[in-house]
Amino acid sequence: MSNPQLREQADQRFQQALEKTGARDPREFYRKRLRNLKAQNPEAFRRAVEYHTRGWCPA
């Protein structure tokens, strides 16, 4: 189950870390890869999204 408050807090912390370090935001790279996966293998995309939202990052 998703918790919007935790997700917002994580996004804020991530943004602060990017600003503090000057690092580039890597999310667009991964979004592009996921779009390609979705187009090439929708079932693998579904499993990857499910793993991310339920297992790896359950916020």
C-alpha atoms as a PDB file:
ATOM      1  CA  MET A   1       0.000   0.000   0.000  1.00  0.00           C
ATOM      2  CA  SER A   2       1.310   3.427  -0.893  1.00  0.00           C
ATOM      3  CA  ASN A   3       1.825   6.157   1.680  1.00  0.00           C
ATOM      4  CA  PRO A   4       1.723   9.614   0.030  1.00  0.00           C
ATOM      5  CA  GLN A   5       3.374  11.329   3.012  1.00  0.00           C
ATOM      6  CA  LEU A   6       6.362   8.978   2.965  1.00  0.00           C
ATOM      7  CA  ARG A   7       6.698   9.341  -0.796  1.00  0.00           C
ATOM      8  CA  GLU A   8       6.614  13.143  -0.515  1.00  0.00           C
ATOM      9  CA  GLN A   9       9.221  13.092   2.240  1.00  0.00           C
ATOM     10  CA  ALA A  10      11.458  10.800   0.183  1.00  0.00           C
ATOM     11  CA  ASP A  11      11.098  13.076  -2.858  1.00  0.00           C
ATOM     12  CA  GLN A  12      12.026  16.122  -0.768  1.00  0.00           C
ATOM     13  CA  ARG A  13      15.077  14.417   0.694  1.00  0.00           C
ATOM     14  CA  PHE A  14      16.169  13.232  -2.735  1.00  0.00           C
ATOM     15  CA  GLN A  15      15.821  16.734  -4.166  1.00  0.00           C
ATOM     16  CA  GLN A  16      17.819  18.188  -1.273  1.00  0.00           C
ATOM     17  CA  ALA A  17      20.571  15.612  -1.808  1.00  0.00           C
ATOM     18  CA  LEU A  18      20.734  16.444  -5.518  1.00  0.00           C
ATOM     19  CA  GLU A  19      21.000  20.159  -4.759  1.00  0.00           C
ATOM     20  CA  LYS A  20      23.609  19.624  -2.037  1.00  0.00           C
ATOM     21  CA  THR A  21      25.840  17.396  -4.149  1.00  0.00           C
ATOM     22  CA  GLY A  22      25.216  18.909  -7.568  1.00  0.00           C
ATOM     23  CA  ALA A  23      24.473  15.441  -8.896  1.00  0.00           C
ATOM     24  CA  ARG A  24      22.308  14.945 -11.939  1.00  0.00           C
ATOM     25  CA  ASP A  25      18.838  13.502 -11.393  1.00  0.00           C
ATOM     26  CA  PRO A  26      19.003   9.899 -12.676  1.00  0.00           C
ATOM     27  CA  ARG A  27      15.247   9.374 -12.910  1.00  0.00           C
ATOM     28  CA  GLU A  28      14.857  10.368 -16.554  1.00  0.00           C
ATOM     29  CA  PHE A  29      17.432   7.745 -17.561  1.00  0.00           C
ATOM     30  CA  TYR A  30      15.461   5.044 -15.762  1.00  0.00           C
ATOM     31  CA  ARG A  31      12.124   6.319 -17.042  1.00  0.00           C
ATOM     32  CA  LYS A  32      13.417   5.979 -20.594  1.00  0.00           C
ATOM     33  CA  ARG A  33      14.589   2.434 -19.900  1.00  0.00           C
ATOM     34  CA  LEU A  34      11.215   1.551 -18.390  1.00  0.00           C
ATOM     35  CA  ARG A  35       9.359   2.981 -21.402  1.00  0.00           C
ATOM     36  CA  ASN A  36      11.483   0.783 -23.651  1.00  0.00           C
ATOM     37  CA  LEU A  37      10.848  -2.263 -21.458  1.00  0.00           C
ATOM     38  CA  LYS A  38       7.106  -1.573 -21.475  1.00  0.00           C
ATOM     39  CA  ALA A  39       7.082  -1.404 -25.270  1.00  0.00           C
ATOM     40  CA  GLN A  40       9.228  -4.516 -25.732  1.00  0.00           C
ATOM     41  CA  ASN A  41       7.980  -6.722 -22.894  1.00  0.00           C
ATOM     42  CA  PRO A  42       4.831  -5.527 -21.091  1.00  0.00           C
ATOM     43  CA  GLU A  43       4.819  -8.488 -18.686  1.00  0.00           C
ATOM     44  CA  ALA A  44       8.396  -7.822 -17.551  1.00  0.00           C
ATOM     45  CA  PHE A  45       7.482  -4.149 -17.133  1.00  0.00           C
ATOM     46  CA  ARG A  46       4.486  -5.095 -14.983  1.00  0.00           C
ATOM     47  CA  ARG A  47       6.668  -7.323 -12.793  1.00  0.00           C
ATOM     48  CA  ALA A  48       9.328  -4.626 -12.438  1.00  0.00           C
ATOM     49  CA  VAL A  49       6.772  -2.018 -11.386  1.00  0.00           C
ATOM     50  CA  GLU A  50       5.165  -4.445  -8.953  1.00  0.00           C
ATOM     51  CA  TYR A  51       8.551  -5.303  -7.433  1.00  0.00           C
ATOM     52  CA  HIS A  52       9.385  -1.635  -7.029  1.00  0.00           C
ATOM     53  CA  THR A  53       6.066  -0.613  -5.481  1.00  0.00           C
ATOM     54  CA  ARG A  54       5.533  -3.653  -3.254  1.00  0.00           C
ATOM     55  CA  GLY A  55       8.958  -4.989  -2.440  1.00  0.00           C
ATOM     56  CA  TRP A  56      11.862  -2.677  -2.951  1.00  0.00           C
ATOM     57  CA  CYS A  57      10.221   0.653  -2.163  1.00  0.00           C
ATOM     58  CA  PRO A  58       6.882   0.008  -0.427  1.00  0.00           C
ATOM     59  CA  ALA A  59       6.322   3.643   0.571  1.00  0.00           C
END
